[in-house]
Amino acid sequence: MVVVLEAIPMFIARPIDAVAGLFPDRAHAEAAVASLLAAGFAPFSVRPQQPDRCRLQDWGRDTTIMNLYLEGRQQGHVLLIVPAGRADRERVGRLLSHHHGHAVYHFTAAAVESLSILV
């Protein structure tokens, strides 16, 4: 399932087995979601809510990334989280980057990998 997180009135736990990235606006995020659906990923859920209520639960050693996402949200960017295992991470990362996704990372239980350089 592809989940678009524009602003969340609840805490969001650190993703596990997922790719996350920021988009400059909703239009770019929606284009990325359309590409993910066309590539065979499952339908998605969009939850537009109040940007000033965005909170992320403490992400431990990945707090720098959490803060980057929070800052992006405060500037009006859209956070997209796509469940993706190791085998799909690069394909998802490329699709997000192709649609102007930035701060694109793949999260596992034990590590995080930057995918922002994928083209």
N, C-alpha and C. Protein backbone atom coordinates (compact mmCIF):
# COMPACT_ATOMS: atom_id res chain seq x y z
N MET A 1 0.84 -1.17 0.00
CA MET A 1 0.00 0.00 0.00
C MET A 1 0.89 1.24 0.00
N VAL A 2 0.58 2.20 -0.83
CA VAL A 2 1.27 3.47 -0.88
C VAL A 2 0.50 4.45 -0.01
N VAL A 3 1.18 5.15 0.88
CA VAL A 3 0.52 6.06 1.79
C VAL A 3 1.10 7.46 1.63
N VAL A 4 0.28 8.44 1.32
CA VAL A 4 0.69 9.83 1.22
C VAL A 4 0.41 10.48 2.56
N LEU A 5 1.45 11.02 3.18
CA LEU A 5 1.29 11.66 4.48
C LEU A 5 1.55 13.15 4.33
N GLU A 6 0.49 13.91 4.17
CA GLU A 6 0.65 15.35 4.03
C GLU A 6 0.83 16.01 5.38
N ALA A 7 -0.02 15.70 6.29
CA ALA A 7 0.08 16.21 7.65
C ALA A 7 -0.69 15.24 8.52
N ILE A 8 -0.13 14.90 9.63
CA ILE A 8 -0.65 13.83 10.41
C ILE A 8 -0.95 14.30 11.83
N PRO A 9 -2.18 14.08 12.34
CA PRO A 9 -2.50 14.51 13.68
C PRO A 9 -2.13 13.46 14.74
N MET A 10 -1.32 12.49 14.34
CA MET A 10 -0.92 11.42 15.25
C MET A 10 0.58 11.24 15.10
N PHE A 11 1.16 10.42 15.96
CA PHE A 11 2.58 10.13 15.83
C PHE A 11 2.79 9.09 14.75
N ILE A 12 3.83 9.27 13.97
CA ILE A 12 4.20 8.31 12.94
C ILE A 12 5.48 7.63 13.38
N ALA A 13 5.42 6.33 13.51
CA ALA A 13 6.60 5.56 13.91
C ALA A 13 7.61 5.52 12.75
N ARG A 14 8.85 5.29 13.10
CA ARG A 14 9.90 5.15 12.10
C ARG A 14 9.50 4.02 11.14
N PRO A 15 9.57 4.26 9.82
CA PRO A 15 9.19 3.21 8.87
C PRO A 15 10.15 2.01 8.97
N ILE A 16 9.62 0.84 8.69
CA ILE A 16 10.43 -0.38 8.58
C ILE A 16 10.02 -1.06 7.28
N ASP A 17 11.02 -1.47 6.49
CA ASP A 17 10.78 -2.05 5.17
C ASP A 17 9.92 -1.12 4.33
N ALA A 18 10.38 0.12 4.21
CA ALA A 18 9.66 1.13 3.45
C ALA A 18 10.64 2.16 2.90
N VAL A 19 10.22 2.81 1.82
CA VAL A 19 10.95 3.94 1.24
C VAL A 19 10.13 5.18 1.53
N ALA A 20 10.79 6.23 2.00
CA ALA A 20 10.11 7.49 2.30
C ALA A 20 10.81 8.62 1.57
N GLY A 21 10.07 9.65 1.22
CA GLY A 21 10.65 10.82 0.58
C GLY A 21 9.71 12.00 0.64
N LEU A 22 10.28 13.17 0.45
CA LEU A 22 9.52 14.42 0.45
C LEU A 22 9.31 14.91 -0.97
N PHE A 23 8.16 15.53 -1.21
CA PHE A 23 7.84 16.11 -2.51
C PHE A 23 7.52 17.58 -2.34
N PRO A 24 7.85 18.41 -3.34
CA PRO A 24 7.65 19.84 -3.19
C PRO A 24 6.19 20.24 -3.03
N ASP A 25 5.27 19.42 -3.54
CA ASP A 25 3.84 19.74 -3.43
C ASP A 25 3.01 18.49 -3.70
N ARG A 26 1.73 18.64 -3.51
CA ARG A 26 0.81 17.51 -3.69
C ARG A 26 0.80 16.99 -5.12
N ALA A 27 0.91 17.87 -6.09
CA ALA A 27 0.88 17.44 -7.49
C ALA A 27 2.02 16.48 -7.81
N HIS A 28 3.22 16.79 -7.32
CA HIS A 28 4.35 15.89 -7.55
C HIS A 28 4.16 14.57 -6.82
N ALA A 29 3.63 14.61 -5.61
CA ALA A 29 3.37 13.38 -4.86
C ALA A 29 2.32 12.53 -5.57
N GLU A 30 1.27 13.17 -6.08
CA GLU A 30 0.23 12.42 -6.78
C GLU A 30 0.78 11.79 -8.06
N ALA A 31 1.68 12.49 -8.75
CA ALA A 31 2.30 11.91 -9.96
C ALA A 31 3.14 10.70 -9.59
N ALA A 32 3.85 10.78 -8.47
CA ALA A 32 4.64 9.63 -8.00
C ALA A 32 3.73 8.46 -7.66
N VAL A 33 2.62 8.73 -6.98
CA VAL A 33 1.67 7.68 -6.62
C VAL A 33 1.12 7.02 -7.89
N ALA A 34 0.78 7.82 -8.89
CA ALA A 34 0.26 7.28 -10.15
C ALA A 34 1.30 6.36 -10.80
N SER A 35 2.56 6.75 -10.77
CA SER A 35 3.63 5.92 -11.33
C SER A 35 3.79 4.62 -10.54
N LEU A 36 3.69 4.72 -9.22
CA LEU A 36 3.79 3.52 -8.39
C LEU A 36 2.64 2.56 -8.69
N LEU A 37 1.44 3.08 -8.85
CA LEU A 37 0.30 2.24 -9.18
C LEU A 37 0.48 1.60 -10.55
N ALA A 38 0.96 2.37 -11.52
CA ALA A 38 1.20 1.85 -12.87
C ALA A 38 2.29 0.77 -12.86
N ALA A 39 3.21 0.86 -11.91
CA ALA A 39 4.29 -0.12 -11.80
C ALA A 39 3.85 -1.36 -11.03
N GLY A 40 2.59 -1.39 -10.57
CA GLY A 40 2.07 -2.59 -9.95
C GLY A 40 1.99 -2.58 -8.43
N PHE A 41 2.28 -1.44 -7.82
CA PHE A 41 2.15 -1.37 -6.37
C PHE A 41 0.68 -1.25 -6.01
N ALA A 42 0.33 -1.68 -4.80
CA ALA A 42 -1.06 -1.73 -4.35
C ALA A 42 -1.66 -0.33 -4.24
N PRO A 43 -3.00 -0.24 -4.26
CA PRO A 43 -3.68 1.05 -4.08
C PRO A 43 -3.24 1.76 -2.80
N PHE A 44 -3.48 3.05 -2.77
CA PHE A 44 -2.95 3.89 -1.71
C PHE A 44 -4.04 4.57 -0.92
N SER A 45 -3.63 5.16 0.18
CA SER A 45 -4.53 5.92 1.05
C SER A 45 -3.98 7.33 1.17
N VAL A 46 -4.81 8.33 0.93
CA VAL A 46 -4.39 9.72 1.06
C VAL A 46 -5.11 10.31 2.26
N ARG A 47 -4.34 10.94 3.15
CA ARG A 47 -4.95 11.49 4.36
C ARG A 47 -4.56 12.96 4.54
N PRO A 48 -5.22 13.87 3.81
CA PRO A 48 -4.91 15.28 3.98
C PRO A 48 -5.45 15.79 5.31
N GLN A 49 -4.60 16.41 6.09
CA GLN A 49 -5.02 16.98 7.37
C GLN A 49 -4.22 18.24 7.64
N GLN A 50 -4.29 18.74 8.83
CA GLN A 50 -3.68 20.02 9.17
C GLN A 50 -2.15 19.93 9.26
N PRO A 51 -1.41 20.70 8.44
CA PRO A 51 0.05 20.65 8.45
C PRO A 51 0.67 21.00 9.80
N ASP A 52 0.04 21.87 10.57
CA ASP A 52 0.63 22.29 11.83
C ASP A 52 0.53 21.21 12.91
N ARG A 53 -0.15 20.12 12.61
CA ARG A 53 -0.29 19.04 13.60
C ARG A 53 0.62 17.86 13.29
N CYS A 54 1.53 18.00 12.34
CA CYS A 54 2.42 16.91 11.95
C CYS A 54 3.40 16.58 13.08
N ARG A 55 3.43 15.33 13.49
CA ARG A 55 4.33 14.87 14.53
C ARG A 55 4.89 13.51 14.13
N LEU A 56 6.15 13.31 14.36
CA LEU A 56 6.77 12.01 14.13
C LEU A 56 7.30 11.50 15.46
N GLN A 57 7.07 10.24 15.73
CA GLN A 57 7.57 9.64 16.96
C GLN A 57 9.10 9.61 16.91
N ASP A 58 9.76 9.67 18.06
CA ASP A 58 11.22 9.65 18.12
C ASP A 58 11.76 8.48 17.31
N TRP A 59 12.67 8.78 16.38
CA TRP A 59 13.22 7.77 15.50
C TRP A 59 14.61 7.31 15.92
N GLY A 60 14.99 7.53 17.17
CA GLY A 60 16.28 7.05 17.67
C GLY A 60 17.45 7.61 16.88
N ARG A 61 18.29 6.73 16.38
CA ARG A 61 19.51 7.17 15.68
C ARG A 61 19.20 7.84 14.34
N ASP A 62 17.97 7.75 13.87
CA ASP A 62 17.59 8.38 12.61
C ASP A 62 16.86 9.70 12.83
N THR A 63 17.09 10.32 13.98
CA THR A 63 16.43 11.58 14.32
C THR A 63 16.74 12.68 13.31
N THR A 64 17.94 12.68 12.74
CA THR A 64 18.30 13.70 11.75
C THR A 64 17.35 13.63 10.55
N ILE A 65 17.04 12.43 10.10
CA ILE A 65 16.11 12.26 8.98
C ILE A 65 14.71 12.68 9.40
N MET A 66 14.30 12.30 10.61
CA MET A 66 12.99 12.69 11.13
C MET A 66 12.86 14.22 11.12
N ASN A 67 13.91 14.90 11.59
CA ASN A 67 13.87 16.36 11.63
C ASN A 67 13.84 16.96 10.23
N LEU A 68 14.52 16.33 9.28
CA LEU A 68 14.48 16.78 7.89
C LEU A 68 13.05 16.68 7.35
N TYR A 69 12.37 15.58 7.65
CA TYR A 69 10.99 15.41 7.20
C TYR A 69 10.07 16.42 7.87
N LEU A 70 10.26 16.65 9.16
CA LEU A 70 9.43 17.65 9.86
C LEU A 70 9.64 19.04 9.28
N GLU A 71 10.89 19.40 9.03
CA GLU A 71 11.17 20.71 8.45
C GLU A 71 10.53 20.84 7.07
N GLY A 72 10.64 19.78 6.27
CA GLY A 72 10.01 19.79 4.95
C GLY A 72 8.51 19.97 5.04
N ARG A 73 7.87 19.27 5.99
CA ARG A 73 6.44 19.40 6.17
C ARG A 73 6.06 20.82 6.57
N GLN A 74 6.89 21.43 7.42
CA GLN A 74 6.60 22.80 7.85
C GLN A 74 6.73 23.78 6.69
N GLN A 75 7.49 23.41 5.66
CA GLN A 75 7.65 24.25 4.47
C GLN A 75 6.62 23.91 3.40
N GLY A 76 5.70 23.01 3.72
CA GLY A 76 4.64 22.67 2.78
C GLY A 76 4.91 21.47 1.90
N HIS A 77 5.99 20.75 2.13
CA HIS A 77 6.29 19.57 1.33
C HIS A 77 5.40 18.41 1.77
N VAL A 78 5.27 17.42 0.91
CA VAL A 78 4.44 16.25 1.16
C VAL A 78 5.35 15.05 1.42
N LEU A 79 5.08 14.33 2.50
CA LEU A 79 5.84 13.13 2.84
C LEU A 79 5.11 11.91 2.31
N LEU A 80 5.83 11.07 1.56
CA LEU A 80 5.26 9.85 1.00
C LEU A 80 6.03 8.67 1.56
N ILE A 81 5.33 7.66 2.08
CA ILE A 81 5.95 6.45 2.60
C ILE A 81 5.39 5.26 1.83
N VAL A 82 6.30 4.47 1.24
CA VAL A 82 5.91 3.33 0.41
C VAL A 82 6.50 2.06 1.01
N PRO A 83 5.67 1.14 1.49
CA PRO A 83 6.22 -0.14 1.95
C PRO A 83 6.99 -0.81 0.82
N ALA A 84 8.24 -1.16 1.10
CA ALA A 84 9.09 -1.76 0.06
C ALA A 84 10.22 -2.53 0.72
N GLY A 85 10.33 -3.78 0.37
CA GLY A 85 11.44 -4.59 0.86
C GLY A 85 12.71 -4.27 0.10
N ARG A 86 13.75 -4.97 0.46
CA ARG A 86 15.06 -4.74 -0.15
C ARG A 86 15.03 -4.89 -1.67
N ALA A 87 14.29 -5.86 -2.17
CA ALA A 87 14.25 -6.12 -3.61
C ALA A 87 13.61 -4.98 -4.40
N ASP A 88 12.66 -4.26 -3.80
CA ASP A 88 11.94 -3.19 -4.51
C ASP A 88 12.47 -1.80 -4.22
N ARG A 89 13.40 -1.66 -3.29
CA ARG A 89 13.81 -0.34 -2.80
C ARG A 89 14.34 0.57 -3.90
N GLU A 90 15.18 0.05 -4.79
CA GLU A 90 15.74 0.91 -5.84
C GLU A 90 14.69 1.31 -6.86
N ARG A 91 13.79 0.40 -7.20
CA ARG A 91 12.73 0.73 -8.16
C ARG A 91 11.83 1.82 -7.59
N VAL A 92 11.45 1.69 -6.32
CA VAL A 92 10.63 2.71 -5.68
C VAL A 92 11.41 4.02 -5.57
N GLY A 93 12.67 3.95 -5.16
CA GLY A 93 13.50 5.15 -5.04
C GLY A 93 13.63 5.90 -6.36
N ARG A 94 13.80 5.16 -7.45
CA ARG A 94 13.90 5.81 -8.78
C ARG A 94 12.58 6.50 -9.14
N LEU A 95 11.46 5.82 -8.88
CA LEU A 95 10.16 6.43 -9.19
C LEU A 95 9.94 7.71 -8.39
N LEU A 96 10.29 7.67 -7.11
CA LEU A 96 10.12 8.87 -6.29
C LEU A 96 11.04 9.99 -6.76
N SER A 97 12.29 9.66 -7.03
CA SER A 97 13.25 10.67 -7.50
C SER A 97 12.84 11.25 -8.84
N HIS A 98 12.30 10.40 -9.71
CA HIS A 98 11.85 10.86 -11.04
C HIS A 98 10.78 11.93 -10.93
N HIS A 99 9.99 11.89 -9.87
CA HIS A 99 8.91 12.86 -9.68
C HIS A 99 9.29 13.94 -8.66
N HIS A 100 10.57 14.27 -8.61
CA HIS A 100 11.11 15.33 -7.76
C HIS A 100 11.06 15.00 -6.28
N GLY A 101 11.06 13.72 -5.95
CA GLY A 101 11.18 13.32 -4.56
C GLY A 101 12.60 13.61 -4.07
N HIS A 102 12.72 14.06 -2.86
CA HIS A 102 14.04 14.31 -2.28
C HIS A 102 14.04 13.77 -0.86
N ALA A 103 15.22 13.65 -0.26
CA ALA A 103 15.37 13.01 1.05
C ALA A 103 14.73 11.62 1.00
N VAL A 104 15.07 10.88 -0.06
CA VAL A 104 14.51 9.55 -0.27
C VAL A 104 15.40 8.52 0.43
N TYR A 105 14.81 7.78 1.37
CA TYR A 105 15.54 6.79 2.15
C TYR A 105 14.77 5.47 2.20
N HIS A 106 15.53 4.37 2.25
CA HIS A 106 14.95 3.06 2.50
C HIS A 106 15.25 2.69 3.94
N PHE A 107 14.20 2.34 4.68
CA PHE A 107 14.32 1.99 6.09
C PHE A 107 14.11 0.49 6.28
N THR A 108 15.00 -0.15 7.04
CA THR A 108 14.79 -1.51 7.51
C THR A 108 14.78 -1.44 9.03
N ALA A 109 14.59 -2.57 9.68
CA ALA A 109 14.59 -2.57 11.14
C ALA A 109 15.94 -2.16 11.70
N ALA A 110 17.02 -2.49 10.99
CA ALA A 110 18.36 -2.27 11.53
C ALA A 110 19.13 -1.13 10.87
N ALA A 111 18.66 -0.62 9.73
CA ALA A 111 19.48 0.34 9.00
C ALA A 111 18.61 1.29 8.17
N VAL A 112 19.29 2.28 7.63
CA VAL A 112 18.66 3.22 6.70
C VAL A 112 19.65 3.47 5.57
N GLU A 113 19.13 3.56 4.35
CA GLU A 113 19.97 3.74 3.15
C GLU A 113 19.44 4.90 2.34
N SER A 114 20.31 5.81 1.97
CA SER A 114 19.89 6.93 1.12
C SER A 114 19.70 6.45 -0.30
N LEU A 115 18.58 6.82 -0.91
CA LEU A 115 18.29 6.50 -2.31
C LEU A 115 18.17 7.75 -3.14
N SER A 116 18.51 8.89 -2.58
CA SER A 116 18.34 10.17 -3.26
C SER A 116 19.16 10.31 -4.53
N ILE A 117 20.23 9.53 -4.64
CA ILE A 117 21.10 9.68 -5.80
C ILE A 117 20.62 8.86 -7.00
N LEU A 118 19.59 8.05 -6.83
CA LEU A 118 19.08 7.25 -7.93
C LEU A 118 18.41 8.14 -8.97
N VAL A 119 18.63 7.80 -10.22
CA VAL A 119 18.01 8.56 -11.31
C VAL A 119 17.21 7.65 -12.16
